[in-house]
């Protein structure tokens, strides 16, 4: 519990030093760690060690969003045509 109090106090200190609110800081941290997870999973996807379904389940995103991330990073993938 004391670790959580330490984190809270550090966030409050940072908020006082910068022009950001605590929620904005948390959102930036969330985005940073999500991007970090995405990059790790992209490496595994490139090496064919992890499938799209496993990655989307881990990241809790839709496959469509994952394919958009692949296209944004210019990573080749199989495109299926719906009929």
Protein backbone atom coordinates (compact mmCIF):
# COMPACT_ATOMS: atom_id res chain seq x y z
CA UNK A 1 0.00 0.00 0.00
CA UNK A 2 2.87 2.38 0.69
CA UNK A 3 4.11 1.88 -2.88
CA UNK A 4 0.81 3.18 -4.20
CA UNK A 5 1.07 6.21 -1.94
CA UNK A 6 4.57 6.85 -3.28
CA UNK A 7 3.30 6.70 -6.85
CA UNK A 8 0.41 9.03 -6.04
CA UNK A 9 2.73 11.54 -4.40
CA UNK A 10 5.12 11.44 -7.38
CA UNK A 11 2.25 12.04 -9.80
CA UNK A 12 1.02 14.95 -7.69
CA UNK A 13 4.53 16.45 -7.57
CA UNK A 14 4.88 16.12 -11.33
CA UNK A 15 1.43 17.67 -11.84
CA UNK A 16 2.42 20.65 -9.69
CA UNK A 17 5.68 21.12 -11.62
CA UNK A 18 4.07 20.84 -15.06
CA UNK A 19 0.92 22.35 -16.52
CA UNK A 20 -0.81 18.97 -16.64
CA UNK A 21 -3.48 17.46 -14.44
CA UNK A 22 -3.11 14.09 -12.74
CA UNK A 23 -5.51 12.49 -15.23
CA UNK A 24 -3.54 13.81 -18.20
CA UNK A 25 -0.36 12.34 -16.74
CA UNK A 26 -2.03 8.97 -16.22
CA UNK A 27 -3.35 9.00 -19.80
CA UNK A 28 0.16 9.68 -21.12
CA UNK A 29 1.54 6.84 -19.00
CA UNK A 30 -1.22 4.53 -20.23
CA UNK A 31 -0.46 5.40 -23.86
CA UNK A 32 3.28 4.90 -23.29
CA UNK A 33 2.89 1.43 -21.79
CA UNK A 34 0.29 0.41 -24.40
CA UNK A 35 2.70 1.42 -27.19
CA UNK A 36 5.45 -0.52 -25.44
CA UNK A 37 3.27 -3.65 -25.38
CA UNK A 38 2.30 -3.16 -29.02
CA UNK A 39 5.95 -2.93 -30.08
CA UNK A 40 6.82 -6.13 -28.20
CA UNK A 41 3.92 -7.95 -29.83
CA UNK A 42 4.83 -6.59 -33.28
CA UNK A 43 8.28 -8.13 -32.92
CA UNK A 44 6.71 -11.48 -32.07
CA UNK A 45 4.29 -11.13 -35.01
CA UNK A 46 7.15 -10.43 -37.42
CA UNK A 47 8.98 -13.53 -36.17
CA UNK A 48 5.73 -15.51 -36.56
CA UNK A 49 5.80 -16.56 -32.93
CA UNK A 50 2.42 -15.04 -32.11
CA UNK A 51 -0.84 -14.95 -34.05
CA UNK A 52 -3.15 -11.99 -34.51
CA UNK A 53 -5.85 -13.57 -32.35
CA UNK A 54 -3.42 -14.02 -29.44
CA UNK A 55 -2.13 -10.47 -29.76
CA UNK A 56 -5.59 -8.90 -29.90
CA UNK A 57 -6.64 -10.91 -26.86
CA UNK A 58 -3.56 -9.77 -24.91
CA UNK A 59 -3.91 -6.11 -25.90
CA UNK A 60 -7.72 -6.16 -25.64
CA UNK A 61 -8.18 -4.54 -29.05
CA UNK A 62 -10.08 -5.57 -32.16
CA UNK A 63 -8.33 -7.29 -35.06
CA UNK A 64 -9.29 -4.38 -37.30
CA UNK A 65 -7.43 -1.98 -35.01
CA UNK A 66 -4.40 -4.30 -34.97
CA UNK A 67 -4.35 -4.44 -38.78
CA UNK A 68 -4.49 -0.63 -38.82
CA UNK A 69 -1.42 -0.60 -36.55
CA UNK A 70 0.32 -3.01 -38.95
CA UNK A 71 -0.42 -0.76 -41.93
CA UNK A 72 0.71 2.31 -40.02
CA UNK A 73 4.06 0.63 -39.31
CA UNK A 74 4.37 -0.69 -42.89
CA UNK A 75 4.37 -4.32 -41.82
CA UNK A 76 3.17 -6.78 -44.43
CA UNK A 77 0.20 -8.98 -43.67
CA UNK A 78 -2.28 -11.15 -45.52
CA UNK A 79 -5.38 -9.27 -46.66
CA UNK A 80 -8.56 -11.26 -47.07
CA UNK A 81 -11.38 -10.13 -49.32
CA UNK A 82 -14.90 -10.51 -48.00
CA UNK A 83 -17.42 -11.81 -50.49
